[in-house]
Amino acid sequence: MRIEIGPQGFDLWLSARDTEAWASRPGEVWPCSELAGRRVYVCFDSNGLCNLAVDGKDWDGDSNELSALVSDRVESKLNKEYPCYFVAVGQFREGS
């Protein structure tokens, strides 16, 4: 996983190994994952998702899985006051 955090948004790159590990983690398996074993790139700003590529191409798959994956991966990297925390993480967490 690689993340670049700027003043108003972030870019996140996940390798095929990262997505496979996320989809099959103990006690948190994502059955029938569309992203497991695939490379994922996302760009977020305070309005939400700006750019997305899966294996270097456009993707029109399960947005719930993508949201869960991104949220799980960036939650510990972003402060709750960060401009795009809510659109990338907070809206998917109870009490945020």
N, C-alpha and C. Protein backbone atom coordinates (compact mmCIF):
# COMPACT_ATOMS: atom_id res chain seq x y z
N MET A 1 0.84 -1.18 0.00
CA MET A 1 0.00 0.00 0.00
C MET A 1 0.88 1.24 0.00
N ARG A 2 0.47 2.19 -0.80
CA ARG A 2 1.15 3.48 -0.82
C ARG A 2 0.06 4.56 -0.79
N ILE A 3 0.29 5.56 0.05
CA ILE A 3 -0.66 6.66 0.13
C ILE A 3 0.10 7.97 0.11
N GLU A 4 -0.41 8.91 -0.66
CA GLU A 4 0.13 10.27 -0.68
C GLU A 4 -0.99 11.19 -0.24
N ILE A 5 -0.76 11.86 0.88
CA ILE A 5 -1.77 12.73 1.46
C ILE A 5 -1.39 14.18 1.21
N GLY A 6 -2.26 14.89 0.53
CA GLY A 6 -2.05 16.31 0.26
C GLY A 6 -2.93 17.14 1.16
N PRO A 7 -2.91 18.46 1.00
CA PRO A 7 -3.69 19.32 1.89
C PRO A 7 -5.20 19.14 1.76
N GLN A 8 -5.70 18.72 0.58
CA GLN A 8 -7.14 18.61 0.37
C GLN A 8 -7.60 17.23 -0.07
N GLY A 9 -6.68 16.28 -0.24
CA GLY A 9 -7.07 14.96 -0.70
C GLY A 9 -5.93 13.98 -0.63
N PHE A 10 -6.19 12.77 -1.09
CA PHE A 10 -5.15 11.74 -1.07
C PHE A 10 -5.25 10.83 -2.29
N ASP A 11 -4.12 10.22 -2.60
CA ASP A 11 -4.03 9.19 -3.62
C ASP A 11 -3.62 7.91 -2.90
N LEU A 12 -4.25 6.80 -3.27
CA LEU A 12 -3.98 5.51 -2.65
C LEU A 12 -3.75 4.47 -3.72
N TRP A 13 -2.64 3.75 -3.59
CA TRP A 13 -2.32 2.64 -4.49
C TRP A 13 -2.29 1.37 -3.67
N LEU A 14 -3.03 0.36 -4.10
CA LEU A 14 -3.02 -0.95 -3.44
C LEU A 14 -2.57 -2.00 -4.44
N SER A 15 -1.65 -2.83 -4.04
CA SER A 15 -1.15 -3.89 -4.91
C SER A 15 -2.14 -5.05 -4.92
N ALA A 16 -1.92 -5.98 -5.84
CA ALA A 16 -2.73 -7.19 -5.89
C ALA A 16 -2.61 -7.96 -4.58
N ARG A 17 -1.44 -7.97 -4.00
CA ARG A 17 -1.24 -8.64 -2.70
C ARG A 17 -2.03 -7.93 -1.60
N ASP A 18 -2.05 -6.59 -1.62
CA ASP A 18 -2.82 -5.84 -0.63
C ASP A 18 -4.30 -6.17 -0.70
N THR A 19 -4.86 -6.19 -1.90
CA THR A 19 -6.30 -6.44 -2.04
C THR A 19 -6.65 -7.89 -1.72
N GLU A 20 -5.78 -8.81 -2.07
CA GLU A 20 -6.01 -10.22 -1.74
C GLU A 20 -6.00 -10.41 -0.22
N ALA A 21 -5.03 -9.82 0.45
CA ALA A 21 -4.93 -9.93 1.91
C ALA A 21 -6.15 -9.31 2.58
N TRP A 22 -6.60 -8.17 2.09
CA TRP A 22 -7.77 -7.50 2.67
C TRP A 22 -9.02 -8.36 2.52
N ALA A 23 -9.24 -8.92 1.36
CA ALA A 23 -10.46 -9.68 1.08
C ALA A 23 -10.51 -11.02 1.81
N SER A 24 -9.37 -11.50 2.27
CA SER A 24 -9.34 -12.82 2.90
C SER A 24 -8.81 -12.79 4.33
N ARG A 25 -8.85 -11.63 4.97
CA ARG A 25 -8.33 -11.53 6.33
C ARG A 25 -9.21 -12.32 7.30
N PRO A 26 -8.60 -12.93 8.29
CA PRO A 26 -9.35 -13.77 9.24
C PRO A 26 -10.47 -13.01 9.95
N GLY A 27 -11.64 -13.59 9.93
CA GLY A 27 -12.79 -12.99 10.60
C GLY A 27 -13.43 -11.84 9.86
N GLU A 28 -12.88 -11.43 8.76
CA GLU A 28 -13.38 -10.26 8.01
C GLU A 28 -13.40 -10.55 6.51
N VAL A 29 -13.63 -11.78 6.12
CA VAL A 29 -13.57 -12.18 4.71
C VAL A 29 -14.64 -11.44 3.90
N TRP A 30 -14.26 -11.01 2.69
CA TRP A 30 -15.21 -10.40 1.78
C TRP A 30 -15.53 -11.46 0.72
N PRO A 31 -16.65 -12.19 0.88
CA PRO A 31 -16.94 -13.28 -0.07
C PRO A 31 -17.22 -12.74 -1.47
N CYS A 32 -16.81 -13.48 -2.44
CA CYS A 32 -17.02 -13.12 -3.85
C CYS A 32 -16.41 -11.77 -4.21
N SER A 33 -15.27 -11.46 -3.62
CA SER A 33 -14.60 -10.18 -3.86
C SER A 33 -14.31 -9.99 -5.34
N GLU A 34 -14.61 -8.80 -5.84
CA GLU A 34 -14.27 -8.42 -7.21
C GLU A 34 -12.90 -7.76 -7.28
N LEU A 35 -12.37 -7.36 -6.12
CA LEU A 35 -11.11 -6.62 -6.10
C LEU A 35 -9.92 -7.46 -5.62
N ALA A 36 -10.16 -8.60 -5.00
CA ALA A 36 -9.08 -9.44 -4.48
C ALA A 36 -8.12 -9.82 -5.61
N GLY A 37 -6.85 -9.60 -5.35
CA GLY A 37 -5.82 -9.95 -6.34
C GLY A 37 -5.70 -8.96 -7.49
N ARG A 38 -6.32 -7.80 -7.36
CA ARG A 38 -6.24 -6.78 -8.41
C ARG A 38 -5.58 -5.52 -7.86
N ARG A 39 -4.91 -4.77 -8.72
CA ARG A 39 -4.30 -3.50 -8.34
C ARG A 39 -5.36 -2.41 -8.37
N VAL A 40 -5.37 -1.59 -7.33
CA VAL A 40 -6.39 -0.53 -7.22
C VAL A 40 -5.70 0.81 -6.99
N TYR A 41 -6.16 1.81 -7.72
CA TYR A 41 -5.73 3.20 -7.51
C TYR A 41 -6.98 4.04 -7.31
N VAL A 42 -6.99 4.88 -6.26
CA VAL A 42 -8.07 5.83 -6.05
C VAL A 42 -7.49 7.19 -5.69
N CYS A 43 -8.22 8.22 -6.04
CA CYS A 43 -7.90 9.59 -5.66
C CYS A 43 -9.17 10.18 -5.06
N PHE A 44 -9.04 10.76 -3.87
CA PHE A 44 -10.18 11.37 -3.17
C PHE A 44 -9.88 12.82 -2.86
N ASP A 45 -10.93 13.65 -2.89
CA ASP A 45 -10.87 14.98 -2.31
C ASP A 45 -12.11 15.14 -1.44
N SER A 46 -12.37 16.32 -0.95
CA SER A 46 -13.49 16.51 -0.01
C SER A 46 -14.86 16.24 -0.64
N ASN A 47 -14.93 16.17 -1.96
CA ASN A 47 -16.19 15.85 -2.64
C ASN A 47 -16.37 14.35 -2.83
N GLY A 48 -15.32 13.57 -2.62
CA GLY A 48 -15.42 12.13 -2.79
C GLY A 48 -14.39 11.60 -3.78
N LEU A 49 -14.73 10.50 -4.40
CA LEU A 49 -13.85 9.83 -5.35
C LEU A 49 -13.67 10.67 -6.61
N CYS A 50 -12.41 10.95 -6.96
CA CYS A 50 -12.10 11.74 -8.15
C CYS A 50 -11.60 10.87 -9.30
N ASN A 51 -10.88 9.81 -8.94
CA ASN A 51 -10.27 8.96 -9.96
C ASN A 51 -10.18 7.55 -9.42
N LEU A 52 -10.38 6.58 -10.32
CA LEU A 52 -10.35 5.17 -9.95
C LEU A 52 -9.82 4.36 -11.12
N ALA A 53 -8.92 3.45 -10.82
CA ALA A 53 -8.44 2.49 -11.81
C ALA A 53 -8.22 1.16 -11.11
N VAL A 54 -8.65 0.09 -11.75
CA VAL A 54 -8.42 -1.26 -11.26
C VAL A 54 -7.64 -1.98 -12.34
N ASP A 55 -6.47 -2.45 -11.99
CA ASP A 55 -5.55 -3.04 -12.97
C ASP A 55 -5.29 -2.09 -14.13
N GLY A 56 -5.25 -0.79 -13.81
CA GLY A 56 -4.93 0.22 -14.80
C GLY A 56 -6.06 0.59 -15.74
N LYS A 57 -7.28 0.13 -15.47
CA LYS A 57 -8.42 0.38 -16.36
C LYS A 57 -9.60 0.92 -15.57
N ASP A 58 -10.56 1.51 -16.31
CA ASP A 58 -11.81 1.92 -15.68
C ASP A 58 -12.48 0.69 -15.08
N TRP A 59 -13.28 0.91 -14.05
CA TRP A 59 -13.93 -0.20 -13.37
C TRP A 59 -15.33 0.18 -12.98
N ASP A 60 -16.26 -0.71 -13.18
CA ASP A 60 -17.66 -0.47 -12.84
C ASP A 60 -18.16 -1.66 -12.02
N GLY A 61 -17.54 -1.85 -10.85
CA GLY A 61 -17.86 -2.99 -10.00
C GLY A 61 -18.60 -2.58 -8.75
N ASP A 62 -18.49 -3.39 -7.73
CA ASP A 62 -19.20 -3.21 -6.47
C ASP A 62 -18.66 -2.02 -5.69
N SER A 63 -19.44 -0.96 -5.65
CA SER A 63 -18.99 0.25 -4.94
C SER A 63 -18.94 0.02 -3.43
N ASN A 64 -19.76 -0.89 -2.92
CA ASN A 64 -19.71 -1.19 -1.48
C ASN A 64 -18.37 -1.80 -1.12
N GLU A 65 -17.89 -2.72 -1.93
CA GLU A 65 -16.59 -3.34 -1.66
C GLU A 65 -15.48 -2.30 -1.76
N LEU A 66 -15.51 -1.47 -2.79
CA LEU A 66 -14.49 -0.43 -2.94
C LEU A 66 -14.50 0.51 -1.74
N SER A 67 -15.67 0.94 -1.31
CA SER A 67 -15.78 1.84 -0.16
C SER A 67 -15.22 1.19 1.10
N ALA A 68 -15.57 -0.08 1.33
CA ALA A 68 -15.07 -0.79 2.51
C ALA A 68 -13.55 -0.94 2.47
N LEU A 69 -13.03 -1.28 1.32
CA LEU A 69 -11.58 -1.45 1.15
C LEU A 69 -10.85 -0.14 1.44
N VAL A 70 -11.26 0.93 0.80
CA VAL A 70 -10.60 2.22 0.98
C VAL A 70 -10.74 2.68 2.43
N SER A 71 -11.93 2.60 2.97
CA SER A 71 -12.16 3.02 4.34
C SER A 71 -11.27 2.27 5.32
N ASP A 72 -11.20 0.96 5.17
CA ASP A 72 -10.35 0.16 6.06
C ASP A 72 -8.88 0.53 5.93
N ARG A 73 -8.43 0.81 4.75
CA ARG A 73 -7.02 1.08 4.52
C ARG A 73 -6.59 2.48 4.95
N VAL A 74 -7.45 3.47 4.84
CA VAL A 74 -7.01 4.85 5.14
C VAL A 74 -7.47 5.37 6.50
N GLU A 75 -8.34 4.67 7.17
CA GLU A 75 -8.87 5.17 8.45
C GLU A 75 -7.76 5.55 9.42
N SER A 76 -6.76 4.72 9.57
CA SER A 76 -5.68 5.00 10.53
C SER A 76 -4.69 6.04 10.01
N LYS A 77 -4.77 6.38 8.74
CA LYS A 77 -3.83 7.33 8.13
C LYS A 77 -4.34 8.77 8.13
N LEU A 78 -5.65 8.94 8.29
CA LEU A 78 -6.25 10.28 8.21
C LEU A 78 -6.82 10.72 9.54
N ASN A 79 -6.59 11.95 9.89
CA ASN A 79 -7.17 12.57 11.06
C ASN A 79 -8.65 12.82 10.78
N LYS A 80 -9.50 12.71 11.78
CA LYS A 80 -10.94 12.93 11.60
C LYS A 80 -11.28 14.33 11.11
N GLU A 81 -10.36 15.27 11.31
CA GLU A 81 -10.58 16.65 10.86
C GLU A 81 -10.09 16.87 9.42
N TYR A 82 -9.49 15.88 8.83
CA TYR A 82 -8.96 16.00 7.46
C TYR A 82 -10.11 16.26 6.49
N PRO A 83 -9.92 17.13 5.49
CA PRO A 83 -11.00 17.55 4.60
C PRO A 83 -11.79 16.41 3.93
N CYS A 84 -11.18 15.29 3.61
CA CYS A 84 -11.95 14.23 2.96
C CYS A 84 -12.11 12.98 3.82
N TYR A 85 -11.89 13.12 5.13
CA TYR A 85 -12.08 11.98 6.02
C TYR A 85 -13.52 11.45 5.93
N PHE A 86 -14.49 12.34 6.00
CA PHE A 86 -15.89 11.89 6.01
C PHE A 86 -16.25 11.12 4.74
N VAL A 87 -15.88 11.62 3.57
CA VAL A 87 -16.28 10.95 2.33
C VAL A 87 -15.53 9.64 2.10
N ALA A 88 -14.34 9.50 2.68
CA ALA A 88 -13.56 8.28 2.48
C ALA A 88 -13.72 7.27 3.61
N VAL A 89 -14.03 7.76 4.81
CA VAL A 89 -14.07 6.87 5.98
C VAL A 89 -15.32 7.10 6.83
N GLY A 90 -15.52 8.33 7.28
CA GLY A 90 -16.51 8.65 8.30
C GLY A 90 -17.92 8.19 7.99
N GLN A 91 -18.36 8.31 6.76
CA GLN A 91 -19.73 7.92 6.44
C GLN A 91 -19.98 6.42 6.55
N PHE A 92 -18.90 5.65 6.64
CA PHE A 92 -19.01 4.19 6.74
C PHE A 92 -18.78 3.69 8.17
N ARG A 93 -18.53 4.59 9.11
CA ARG A 93 -18.26 4.22 10.49
C ARG A 93 -19.35 4.75 11.40
N GLU A 94 -19.83 3.91 12.29
CA GLU A 94 -20.85 4.35 13.25
C GLU A 94 -20.28 5.41 14.17
N GLY A 95 -21.05 6.41 14.45
CA GLY A 95 -20.65 7.44 15.39
C GLY A 95 -19.68 8.47 14.84
N SER A 96 -19.39 8.42 13.54
CA SER A 96 -18.46 9.41 12.97
C SER A 96 -19.18 10.66 12.54
